[in-house]
């Protein structure tokens, strides 16, 4: 959790590493690619200032996010 948002991966999705950012109970969400660089795919319902904080945190923790992504992929084989 970061700023009240869940950040994670949904199973059985595309192979390019990314995270979803979701505020449960609302329609607020983002999708952020982790490779080749951190890049926002889309944002819905999240203010620009909050989205910028989330992206900065993902950039700061990119290696951790990629490690978690790889763990999930290995676990789903």
PDB file of N, CA and C in Angstrom:
ATOM      1  N   UNK A   1       0.841  -1.179   0.000  1.00  0.00           N
ATOM      2  CA  UNK A   1       0.000   0.000   0.000  1.00  0.00           C
ATOM      3  C   UNK A   1       0.888   1.245   0.000  1.00  0.00           C
ATOM      4  N   UNK A   2       0.455   2.220  -0.755  1.00  0.00           N
ATOM      5  CA  UNK A   2       1.145   3.509  -0.808  1.00  0.00           C
ATOM      6  C   UNK A   2       0.089   4.579  -1.020  1.00  0.00           C
ATOM      7  N   UNK A   3       0.013   5.525  -0.105  1.00  0.00           N
ATOM      8  CA  UNK A   3      -0.983   6.603  -0.163  1.00  0.00           C
ATOM      9  C   UNK A   3      -2.407   6.060  -0.278  1.00  0.00           C
ATOM     10  N   UNK A   4      -2.647   4.889   0.298  1.00  0.00           N
ATOM     11  CA  UNK A   4      -3.975   4.286   0.263  1.00  0.00           C
ATOM     12  C   UNK A   4      -4.264   3.474  -0.987  1.00  0.00           C
ATOM     13  N   UNK A   5      -3.282   3.293  -1.852  1.00  0.00           N
ATOM     14  CA  UNK A   5      -3.448   2.535  -3.089  1.00  0.00           C
ATOM     15  C   UNK A   5      -2.725   1.203  -3.000  1.00  0.00           C
ATOM     16  N   UNK A   6      -3.352   0.154  -3.504  1.00  0.00           N
ATOM     17  CA  UNK A   6      -2.725  -1.146  -3.638  1.00  0.00           C
ATOM     18  C   UNK A   6      -1.899  -1.121  -4.908  1.00  0.00           C
ATOM     19  N   UNK A   7      -0.707  -1.644  -4.837  1.00  0.00           N
ATOM     20  CA  UNK A   7       0.164  -1.718  -6.008  1.00  0.00           C
ATOM     21  C   UNK A   7       0.546  -3.176  -6.179  1.00  0.00           C
ATOM     22  N   UNK A   8       0.214  -3.737  -7.345  1.00  0.00           N
ATOM     23  CA  UNK A   8       0.512  -5.145  -7.548  1.00  0.00           C
ATOM     24  C   UNK A   8       0.257  -5.597  -8.962  1.00  0.00           C
ATOM     25  N   UNK A   9       0.215  -6.898  -9.108  1.00  0.00           N
ATOM     26  CA  UNK A   9       0.081  -7.535 -10.408  1.00  0.00           C
ATOM     27  C   UNK A   9      -1.144  -8.436 -10.385  1.00  0.00           C
ATOM     28  N   UNK A  10      -1.861  -8.462 -11.479  1.00  0.00           N
ATOM     29  CA  UNK A  10      -2.952  -9.402 -11.636  1.00  0.00           C
ATOM     30  C   UNK A  10      -2.417 -10.623 -12.382  1.00  0.00           C
ATOM     31  N   UNK A  11      -2.865 -11.808 -12.032  1.00  0.00           N
ATOM     32  CA  UNK A  11      -2.374 -13.046 -12.635  1.00  0.00           C
ATOM     33  C   UNK A  11      -2.781 -13.158 -14.100  1.00  0.00           C
ATOM     34  N   UNK A  12      -1.984 -13.920 -14.825  1.00  0.00           N
ATOM     35  CA  UNK A  12      -2.279 -14.291 -16.217  1.00  0.00           C
ATOM     36  C   UNK A  12      -2.492 -13.095 -17.133  1.00  0.00           C
ATOM     37  N   UNK A  13      -1.580 -12.166 -17.066  1.00  0.00           N
ATOM     38  CA  UNK A  13      -1.664 -10.995 -17.921  1.00  0.00           C
ATOM     39  C   UNK A  13      -0.538 -11.024 -18.938  1.00  0.00           C
ATOM     40  N   UNK A  14      -0.378  -9.920 -19.617  1.00  0.00           N
ATOM     41  CA  UNK A  14       0.668  -9.811 -20.622  1.00  0.00           C
ATOM     42  C   UNK A  14       2.050  -9.988 -20.014  1.00  0.00           C
ATOM     43  N   UNK A  15       3.015 -10.277 -20.869  1.00  0.00           N
ATOM     44  CA  UNK A  15       4.344 -10.647 -20.385  1.00  0.00           C
ATOM     45  C   UNK A  15       5.246  -9.455 -20.059  1.00  0.00           C
ATOM     46  N   UNK A  16       4.931  -8.263 -20.547  1.00  0.00           N
ATOM     47  CA  UNK A  16       5.743  -7.083 -20.237  1.00  0.00           C
ATOM     48  C   UNK A  16       5.487  -6.664 -18.783  1.00  0.00           C
ATOM     49  N   UNK A  17       6.563  -6.501 -18.035  1.00  0.00           N
ATOM     50  CA  UNK A  17       6.452  -6.214 -16.606  1.00  0.00           C
ATOM     51  C   UNK A  17       5.759  -4.876 -16.367  1.00  0.00           C
ATOM     52  N   UNK A  18       4.780  -4.913 -15.468  1.00  0.00           N
ATOM     53  CA  UNK A  18       4.034  -3.703 -15.119  1.00  0.00           C
ATOM     54  C   UNK A  18       3.366  -3.906 -13.765  1.00  0.00           C
ATOM     55  N   UNK A  19       2.868  -2.829 -13.215  1.00  0.00           N
ATOM     56  CA  UNK A  19       2.067  -2.903 -11.988  1.00  0.00           C
ATOM     57  C   UNK A  19       0.765  -2.159 -12.207  1.00  0.00           C
ATOM     58  N   UNK A  20      -0.226  -2.579 -11.461  1.00  0.00           N
ATOM     59  CA  UNK A  20      -1.498  -1.879 -11.403  1.00  0.00           C
ATOM     60  C   UNK A  20      -1.549  -1.145 -10.073  1.00  0.00           C
ATOM     61  N   UNK A  21      -2.146   0.003 -10.071  1.00  0.00           N
ATOM     62  CA  UNK A  21      -2.335   0.809  -8.867  1.00  0.00           C
ATOM     63  C   UNK A  21      -3.835   1.004  -8.738  1.00  0.00           C
ATOM     64  N   UNK A  22      -4.411   0.544  -7.619  1.00  0.00           N
ATOM     65  CA  UNK A  22      -5.859   0.521  -7.471  1.00  0.00           C
ATOM     66  C   UNK A  22      -6.248   1.018  -6.086  1.00  0.00           C
ATOM     67  N   UNK A  23      -7.283   1.827  -6.033  1.00  0.00           N
ATOM     68  CA  UNK A  23      -7.895   2.177  -4.754  1.00  0.00           C
ATOM     69  C   UNK A  23      -9.190   1.386  -4.697  1.00  0.00           C
ATOM     70  N   UNK A  24      -9.195   0.347  -3.861  1.00  0.00           N
ATOM     71  CA  UNK A  24     -10.366  -0.519  -3.774  1.00  0.00           C
ATOM     72  C   UNK A  24     -11.576   0.273  -3.288  1.00  0.00           C
ATOM     73  N   UNK A  25     -12.721  -0.062  -3.836  1.00  0.00           N
ATOM     74  CA  UNK A  25     -13.946   0.637  -3.489  1.00  0.00           C
ATOM     75  C   UNK A  25     -14.163   1.878  -4.328  1.00  0.00           C
ATOM     76  N   UNK A  26     -13.265   2.119  -5.275  1.00  0.00           N
ATOM     77  CA  UNK A  26     -13.411   3.262  -6.180  1.00  0.00           C
ATOM     78  C   UNK A  26     -13.001   2.814  -7.578  1.00  0.00           C
ATOM     79  N   UNK A  27     -13.080   3.712  -8.511  1.00  0.00           N
ATOM     80  CA  UNK A  27     -12.643   3.420  -9.878  1.00  0.00           C
ATOM     81  C   UNK A  27     -11.249   3.987 -10.153  1.00  0.00           C
ATOM     82  N   UNK A  28     -10.600   4.511  -9.132  1.00  0.00           N
ATOM     83  CA  UNK A  28      -9.264   5.085  -9.288  1.00  0.00           C
ATOM     84  C   UNK A  28      -8.266   3.982  -9.613  1.00  0.00           C
ATOM     85  N   UNK A  29      -7.497   4.184 -10.685  1.00  0.00           N
ATOM     86  CA  UNK A  29      -6.500   3.176 -11.052  1.00  0.00           C
ATOM     87  C   UNK A  29      -5.446   3.750 -11.984  1.00  0.00           C
ATOM     88  N   UNK A  30      -4.327   3.059 -12.017  1.00  0.00           N
ATOM     89  CA  UNK A  30      -3.236   3.377 -12.942  1.00  0.00           C
ATOM     90  C   UNK A  30      -2.623   2.056 -13.390  1.00  0.00           C
ATOM     91  N   UNK A  31      -1.983   2.092 -14.530  1.00  0.00           N
ATOM     92  CA  UNK A  31      -1.145   0.981 -14.976  1.00  0.00           C
ATOM     93  C   UNK A  31       0.199   1.596 -15.333  1.00  0.00           C
ATOM     94  N   UNK A  32       1.265   1.004 -14.779  1.00  0.00           N
ATOM     95  CA  UNK A  32       2.598   1.549 -14.961  1.00  0.00           C
ATOM     96  C   UNK A  32       3.526   0.445 -15.459  1.00  0.00           C
ATOM     97  N   UNK A  33       4.128   0.659 -16.625  1.00  0.00           N
ATOM     98  CA  UNK A  33       5.122  -0.267 -17.150  1.00  0.00           C
ATOM     99  C   UNK A  33       6.395  -0.146 -16.330  1.00  0.00           C
ATOM    100  N   UNK A  34       7.072  -1.269 -16.128  1.00  0.00           N
ATOM    101  CA  UNK A  34       8.336  -1.286 -15.399  1.00  0.00           C
ATOM    102  C   UNK A  34       9.529  -1.425 -16.325  1.00  0.00           C
ATOM    103  N   UNK A  35       9.278  -1.843 -17.570  1.00  0.00           N
ATOM    104  CA  UNK A  35      10.357  -2.022 -18.525  1.00  0.00           C
ATOM    105  C   UNK A  35       9.909  -1.616 -19.914  1.00  0.00           C
ATOM    106  N   UNK A  36      10.768  -1.106 -20.742  1.00  0.00           N
ATOM    107  CA  UNK A  36      12.189  -0.919 -20.448  1.00  0.00           C
ATOM    108  C   UNK A  36      12.450   0.186 -19.426  1.00  0.00           C
ATOM    109  N   UNK A  37      11.528   1.120 -19.304  1.00  0.00           N
ATOM    110  CA  UNK A  37      11.620   2.180 -18.298  1.00  0.00           C
ATOM    111  C   UNK A  37      10.264   2.302 -17.604  1.00  0.00           C
ATOM    112  N   UNK A  38      10.236   2.963 -16.479  1.00  0.00           N
ATOM    113  CA  UNK A  38       8.968   3.230 -15.790  1.00  0.00           C
ATOM    114  C   UNK A  38       8.192   4.242 -16.628  1.00  0.00           C
ATOM    115  N   UNK A  39       6.981   3.848 -17.017  1.00  0.00           N
ATOM    116  CA  UNK A  39       6.165   4.673 -17.915  1.00  0.00           C
ATOM    117  C   UNK A  39       4.685   4.422 -17.609  1.00  0.00           C
ATOM    118  N   UNK A  40       3.916   5.476 -17.509  1.00  0.00           N
ATOM    119  CA  UNK A  40       2.487   5.345 -17.215  1.00  0.00           C
ATOM    120  C   UNK A  40       1.750   4.958 -18.500  1.00  0.00           C
ATOM    121  N   UNK A  41       1.000   3.866 -18.423  1.00  0.00           N
ATOM    122  CA  UNK A  41       0.149   3.431 -19.534  1.00  0.00           C
ATOM    123  C   UNK A  41      -1.167   4.208 -19.500  1.00  0.00           C
ATOM    124  N   UNK A  42      -1.797   4.282 -18.307  1.00  0.00           N
ATOM    125  CA  UNK A  42      -3.021   5.065 -18.170  1.00  0.00           C
ATOM    126  C   UNK A  42      -3.250   5.417 -16.714  1.00  0.00           C
ATOM    127  N   UNK A  43      -4.043   6.443 -16.498  1.00  0.00           N
ATOM    128  CA  UNK A  43      -4.475   6.880 -15.174  1.00  0.00           C
ATOM    129  C   UNK A  43      -5.951   7.212 -15.253  1.00  0.00           C
ATOM    130  N   UNK A  44      -6.718   6.738 -14.273  1.00  0.00           N
ATOM    131  CA  UNK A  44      -8.144   7.062 -14.190  1.00  0.00           C
ATOM    132  C   UNK A  44      -8.478   7.463 -12.759  1.00  0.00           C
ATOM    133  N   UNK A  45      -8.990   8.655 -12.599  1.00  0.00           N
ATOM    134  CA  UNK A  45      -9.507   9.091 -11.310  1.00  0.00           C
ATOM    135  C   UNK A  45      -8.467   9.478 -10.273  1.00  0.00           C
ATOM    136  N   UNK A  46      -7.209   9.488 -10.637  1.00  0.00           N
ATOM    137  CA  UNK A  46      -6.143   9.838  -9.702  1.00  0.00           C
ATOM    138  C   UNK A  46      -5.597  11.207 -10.099  1.00  0.00           C
ATOM    139  N   UNK A  47      -5.522  12.102  -9.130  1.00  0.00           N
ATOM    140  CA  UNK A  47      -5.033  13.450  -9.437  1.00  0.00           C
ATOM    141  C   UNK A  47      -3.589  13.398  -9.922  1.00  0.00           C
ATOM    142  N   UNK A  48      -3.217  14.405 -10.690  1.00  0.00           N
ATOM    143  CA  UNK A  48      -1.860  14.473 -11.229  1.00  0.00           C
ATOM    144  C   UNK A  48      -0.811  14.469 -10.115  1.00  0.00           C
ATOM    145  N   UNK A  49      -1.073  15.196  -9.032  1.00  0.00           N
ATOM    146  CA  UNK A  49      -0.081  15.270  -7.957  1.00  0.00           C
ATOM    147  C   UNK A  49       0.099  13.915  -7.271  1.00  0.00           C
ATOM    148  N   UNK A  50      -0.996  13.192  -7.040  1.00  0.00           N
ATOM    149  CA  UNK A  50      -0.898  11.864  -6.436  1.00  0.00           C
ATOM    150  C   UNK A  50      -0.249  10.882  -7.411  1.00  0.00           C
ATOM    151  N   UNK A  51      -0.636  10.951  -8.680  1.00  0.00           N
ATOM    152  CA  UNK A  51      -0.036  10.077  -9.694  1.00  0.00           C
ATOM    153  C   UNK A  51       1.475  10.300  -9.765  1.00  0.00           C
ATOM    154  N   UNK A  52       1.902  11.546  -9.703  1.00  0.00           N
ATOM    155  CA  UNK A  52       3.342  11.839  -9.740  1.00  0.00           C
ATOM    156  C   UNK A  52       4.062  11.233  -8.541  1.00  0.00           C
ATOM    157  N   UNK A  53       3.439  11.267  -7.361  1.00  0.00           N
ATOM    158  CA  UNK A  53       4.042  10.666  -6.165  1.00  0.00           C
ATOM    159  C   UNK A  53       4.138   9.149  -6.317  1.00  0.00           C
ATOM    160  N   UNK A  54       3.097   8.552  -6.875  1.00  0.00           N
ATOM    161  CA  UNK A  54       3.095   7.104  -7.083  1.00  0.00           C
ATOM    162  C   UNK A  54       4.185   6.712  -8.068  1.00  0.00           C
ATOM    163  N   UNK A  55       4.280   7.425  -9.172  1.00  0.00           N
ATOM    164  CA  UNK A  55       5.311   7.121 -10.175  1.00  0.00           C
ATOM    165  C   UNK A  55       6.703   7.291  -9.578  1.00  0.00           C
ATOM    166  N   UNK A  56       6.912   8.326  -8.795  1.00  0.00           N
ATOM    167  CA  UNK A  56       8.214   8.535  -8.159  1.00  0.00           C
ATOM    168  C   UNK A  56       8.552   7.360  -7.234  1.00  0.00           C
ATOM    169  N   UNK A  57       7.571   6.866  -6.505  1.00  0.00           N
ATOM    170  CA  UNK A  57       7.790   5.727  -5.608  1.00  0.00           C
ATOM    171  C   UNK A  57       8.093   4.460  -6.405  1.00  0.00           C
ATOM    172  N   UNK A  58       7.373   4.251  -7.501  1.00  0.00           N
ATOM    173  CA  UNK A  58       7.637   3.087  -8.356  1.00  0.00           C
ATOM    174  C   UNK A  58       9.039   3.185  -8.940  1.00  0.00           C
ATOM    175  N   UNK A  59       9.438   4.364  -9.379  1.00  0.00           N
ATOM    176  CA  UNK A  59      10.810   4.537  -9.897  1.00  0.00           C
ATOM    177  C   UNK A  59      11.848   4.214  -8.818  1.00  0.00           C
ATOM    178  N   UNK A  60      11.590   4.694  -7.620  1.00  0.00           N
ATOM    179  CA  UNK A  60      12.516   4.465  -6.512  1.00  0.00           C
ATOM    180  C   UNK A  60      12.623   2.969  -6.188  1.00  0.00           C
ATOM    181  N   UNK A  61      11.506   2.258  -6.336  1.00  0.00           N
ATOM    182  CA  UNK A  61      11.462   0.840  -5.959  1.00  0.00           C
ATOM    183  C   UNK A  61      11.352  -0.083  -7.171  1.00  0.00           C
ATOM    184  N   UNK A  62      11.780   0.399  -8.326  1.00  0.00           N
ATOM    185  CA  UNK A  62      11.637  -0.360  -9.574  1.00  0.00           C
ATOM    186  C   UNK A  62      12.242  -1.759  -9.475  1.00  0.00           C
ATOM    187  N   UNK A  63      13.470  -1.879  -8.963  1.00  0.00           N
ATOM    188  CA  UNK A  63      14.106  -3.197  -8.881  1.00  0.00           C
ATOM    189  C   UNK A  63      13.304  -4.144  -8.000  1.00  0.00           C
ATOM    190  N   UNK A  64      12.787  -3.649  -6.904  1.00  0.00           N
ATOM    191  CA  UNK A  64      11.939  -4.459  -6.021  1.00  0.00           C
ATOM    192  C   UNK A  64      10.677  -4.910  -6.760  1.00  0.00           C
ATOM    193  N   UNK A  65      10.059  -3.994  -7.499  1.00  0.00           N
ATOM    194  CA  UNK A  65       8.850  -4.332  -8.267  1.00  0.00           C
ATOM    195  C   UNK A  65       9.161  -5.390  -9.325  1.00  0.00           C
ATOM    196  N   UNK A  66      10.297  -5.249 -10.017  1.00  0.00           N
ATOM    197  CA  UNK A  66      10.679  -6.242 -11.025  1.00  0.00           C
ATOM    198  C   UNK A  66      10.948  -7.603 -10.393  1.00  0.00           C
ATOM    199  N   UNK A  67      11.591  -7.613  -9.231  1.00  0.00           N
ATOM    200  CA  UNK A  67      11.828  -8.882  -8.535  1.00  0.00           C
ATOM    201  C   UNK A  67      10.508  -9.554  -8.185  1.00  0.00           C
ATOM    202  N   UNK A  68       9.554  -8.789  -7.680  1.00  0.00           N
ATOM    203  CA  UNK A  68       8.230  -9.341  -7.340  1.00  0.00           C
ATOM    204  C   UNK A  68       7.531  -9.850  -8.597  1.00  0.00           C
ATOM    205  N   UNK A  69       7.648  -9.108  -9.691  1.00  0.00           N
ATOM    206  CA  UNK A  69       7.055  -9.520 -10.963  1.00  0.00           C
ATOM    207  C   UNK A  69       7.598 -10.895 -11.365  1.00  0.00           C
ATOM    208  N   UNK A  70       8.922 -11.042 -11.305  1.00  0.00           N
ATOM    209  CA  UNK A  70       9.564 -12.306 -11.703  1.00  0.00           C
ATOM    210  C   UNK A  70       9.134 -13.447 -10.785  1.00  0.00           C
ATOM    211  N   UNK A  71       8.994 -13.191  -9.494  1.00  0.00           N
ATOM    212  CA  UNK A  71       8.517 -14.206  -8.559  1.00  0.00           C
ATOM    213  C   UNK A  71       7.129 -14.680  -8.958  1.00  0.00           C
ATOM    214  N   UNK A  72       6.257 -13.752  -9.292  1.00  0.00           N
ATOM    215  CA  UNK A  72       4.880 -14.094  -9.677  1.00  0.00           C
ATOM    216  C   UNK A  72       4.863 -14.903 -10.960  1.00  0.00           C
ATOM    217  N   UNK A  73       5.680 -14.507 -11.920  1.00  0.00           N
ATOM    218  CA  UNK A  73       5.729 -15.219 -13.193  1.00  0.00           C
ATOM    219  C   UNK A  73       6.205 -16.663 -12.975  1.00  0.00           C
ATOM    220  N   UNK A  74       7.247 -16.823 -12.162  1.00  0.00           N
ATOM    221  CA  UNK A  74       7.746 -18.185 -11.860  1.00  0.00           C
ATOM    222  C   UNK A  74       6.680 -19.009 -11.151  1.00  0.00           C
ATOM    223  N   UNK A  75       5.934 -18.382 -10.264  1.00  0.00           N
ATOM    224  CA  UNK A  75       4.891 -19.080  -9.507  1.00  0.00           C
ATOM    225  C   UNK A  75       3.686 -19.474 -10.335  1.00  0.00           C
ATOM    226  N   UNK A  76       3.480 -18.804 -11.476  1.00  0.00           N
ATOM    227  CA  UNK A  76       2.317 -19.094 -12.321  1.00  0.00           C
ATOM    228  C   UNK A  76       2.616 -20.069 -13.449  1.00  0.00           C
ATOM    229  N   UNK A  77       3.794 -20.630 -13.459  1.00  0.00           N
ATOM    230  CA  UNK A  77       4.124 -21.585 -14.539  1.00  0.00           C
ATOM    231  C   UNK A  77       3.566 -22.936 -14.255  1.00  0.00           C
TER     232      UNK A  77
END
